[in-house]
Amino acid sequence: MTATDQDIEQRIIEIWRDVLGDDDVTADDDFFDLGGSSIAAIRILPKLSEAFGVDAEVGLVFDNPTPGELAAAVAALAR
């Protein structure tokens, strides 16, 4: 069974909350506006790999800076 884009988005929000230490992350929040950095983006990559079985590069976070955008990109990688 594959996860829906909404399921992916919710899991990404949970990952960001954990990595950024911010319980108020929503689907439209910008990673960098929340204090995200290149180090934090690198910390997200293995969590994406574990959660979704994708081999993502740090540019994926930079190019898709909201959980909603990142969820769509992760879903496309997972296909």
C-alpha atoms as a PDB file:
ATOM      1  CA  MET A   1       0.000   0.000   0.000  1.00  0.00           C
ATOM      2  CA  THR A   2       1.392   3.401  -0.941  1.00  0.00           C
ATOM      3  CA  ALA A   3       1.030   6.513   1.128  1.00  0.00           C
ATOM      4  CA  THR A   4      -1.094   9.340  -0.194  1.00  0.00           C
ATOM      5  CA  ASP A   5       0.423  12.755  -0.756  1.00  0.00           C
ATOM      6  CA  GLN A   6      -1.416  13.945   2.356  1.00  0.00           C
ATOM      7  CA  ASP A   7       0.114  11.098   4.407  1.00  0.00           C
ATOM      8  CA  ILE A   8       3.541  12.010   3.041  1.00  0.00           C
ATOM      9  CA  GLU A   9       2.962  15.668   3.861  1.00  0.00           C
ATOM     10  CA  GLN A  10       1.937  14.854   7.436  1.00  0.00           C
ATOM     11  CA  ARG A  11       5.018  12.648   7.964  1.00  0.00           C
ATOM     12  CA  ILE A  12       7.276  15.396   6.565  1.00  0.00           C
ATOM     13  CA  ILE A  13       5.694  17.872   8.993  1.00  0.00           C
ATOM     14  CA  GLU A  14       6.496  15.458  11.828  1.00  0.00           C
ATOM     15  CA  ILE A  15      10.101  15.121  10.607  1.00  0.00           C
ATOM     16  CA  TRP A  16      10.510  18.895  10.402  1.00  0.00           C
ATOM     17  CA  ARG A  17       9.020  19.340  13.861  1.00  0.00           C
ATOM     18  CA  ASP A  18      11.566  16.874  15.206  1.00  0.00           C
ATOM     19  CA  VAL A  19      14.588  18.275  13.354  1.00  0.00           C
ATOM     20  CA  LEU A  20      13.715  21.941  13.859  1.00  0.00           C
ATOM     21  CA  GLY A  21      12.339  21.570  17.377  1.00  0.00           C
ATOM     22  CA  ASP A  22       9.178  23.461  16.400  1.00  0.00           C
ATOM     23  CA  ASP A  23       5.799  21.900  17.180  1.00  0.00           C
ATOM     24  CA  ASP A  24       3.922  24.497  15.118  1.00  0.00           C
ATOM     25  CA  VAL A  25       5.102  23.501  11.608  1.00  0.00           C
ATOM     26  CA  THR A  26       2.297  23.490   9.029  1.00  0.00           C
ATOM     27  CA  ALA A  27       2.133  22.411   5.377  1.00  0.00           C
ATOM     28  CA  ASP A  28       2.750  25.946   4.080  1.00  0.00           C
ATOM     29  CA  ASP A  29       5.658  26.910   6.339  1.00  0.00           C
ATOM     30  CA  ASP A  30       8.964  27.687   4.664  1.00  0.00           C
ATOM     31  CA  PHE A  31      11.861  25.588   5.939  1.00  0.00           C
ATOM     32  CA  PHE A  32      14.257  28.522   5.998  1.00  0.00           C
ATOM     33  CA  ASP A  33      11.768  30.919   7.617  1.00  0.00           C
ATOM     34  CA  LEU A  34      11.499  28.358  10.429  1.00  0.00           C
ATOM     35  CA  GLY A  35      15.243  28.549  11.019  1.00  0.00           C
ATOM     36  CA  GLY A  36      16.177  25.638   8.776  1.00  0.00           C
ATOM     37  CA  SER A  37      19.781  25.497   7.605  1.00  0.00           C
ATOM     38  CA  SER A  38      21.853  23.334   5.316  1.00  0.00           C
ATOM     39  CA  ILE A  39      22.823  21.232   8.347  1.00  0.00           C
ATOM     40  CA  ALA A  40      19.157  20.739   9.274  1.00  0.00           C
ATOM     41  CA  ALA A  41      18.362  19.845   5.660  1.00  0.00           C
ATOM     42  CA  ILE A  42      21.104  17.205   5.745  1.00  0.00           C
ATOM     43  CA  ARG A  43      19.621  15.820   8.969  1.00  0.00           C
ATOM     44  CA  ILE A  44      16.258  15.446   7.208  1.00  0.00           C
ATOM     45  CA  LEU A  45      17.592  13.281   4.366  1.00  0.00           C
ATOM     46  CA  PRO A  46      18.026   9.987   6.244  1.00  0.00           C
ATOM     47  CA  LYS A  47      14.620  10.468   7.829  1.00  0.00           C
ATOM     48  CA  LEU A  48      13.066  10.853   4.358  1.00  0.00           C
ATOM     49  CA  SER A  49      14.914   7.754   3.213  1.00  0.00           C
ATOM     50  CA  GLU A  50      13.714   5.752   6.210  1.00  0.00           C
ATOM     51  CA  ALA A  51      10.114   6.963   6.001  1.00  0.00           C
ATOM     52  CA  PHE A  52       9.623   6.766   2.236  1.00  0.00           C
ATOM     53  CA  GLY A  53      12.410   4.633   0.790  1.00  0.00           C
ATOM     54  CA  VAL A  54      13.758   7.449  -1.378  1.00  0.00           C
ATOM     55  CA  ASP A  55      17.338   8.492  -2.003  1.00  0.00           C
ATOM     56  CA  ALA A  56      17.003  12.274  -1.728  1.00  0.00           C
ATOM     57  CA  GLU A  57      19.709  14.887  -2.074  1.00  0.00           C
ATOM     58  CA  VAL A  58      19.857  18.089  -0.049  1.00  0.00           C
ATOM     59  CA  GLY A  59      18.785  20.108  -3.096  1.00  0.00           C
ATOM     60  CA  LEU A  60      15.359  18.509  -2.816  1.00  0.00           C
ATOM     61  CA  VAL A  61      14.746  20.409   0.429  1.00  0.00           C
ATOM     62  CA  PHE A  62      16.183  23.629  -1.002  1.00  0.00           C
ATOM     63  CA  ASP A  63      14.017  23.375  -4.133  1.00  0.00           C
ATOM     64  CA  ASN A  64      10.883  22.400  -2.186  1.00  0.00           C
ATOM     65  CA  PRO A  65      11.000  24.498   0.997  1.00  0.00           C
ATOM     66  CA  THR A  66       7.504  23.773   2.337  1.00  0.00           C
ATOM     67  CA  PRO A  67       6.192  20.418   3.561  1.00  0.00           C
ATOM     68  CA  GLY A  68       3.510  20.537   0.863  1.00  0.00           C
ATOM     69  CA  GLU A  69       6.039  21.056  -1.919  1.00  0.00           C
ATOM     70  CA  LEU A  70       8.433  18.520  -0.481  1.00  0.00           C
ATOM     71  CA  ALA A  71       5.640  15.947  -0.167  1.00  0.00           C
ATOM     72  CA  ALA A  72       4.866  16.246  -3.891  1.00  0.00           C
ATOM     73  CA  ALA A  73       8.576  15.897  -4.756  1.00  0.00           C
ATOM     74  CA  VAL A  74       9.008  12.875  -2.446  1.00  0.00           C
ATOM     75  CA  ALA A  75       5.882  11.247  -3.907  1.00  0.00           C
ATOM     76  CA  ALA A  76       7.314  11.699  -7.410  1.00  0.00           C
ATOM     77  CA  LEU A  77      10.633  10.138  -6.323  1.00  0.00           C
ATOM     78  CA  ALA A  78       8.833   7.228  -4.696  1.00  0.00           C
ATOM     79  CA  ARG A  79       6.969   6.361  -7.916  1.00  0.00           C
END
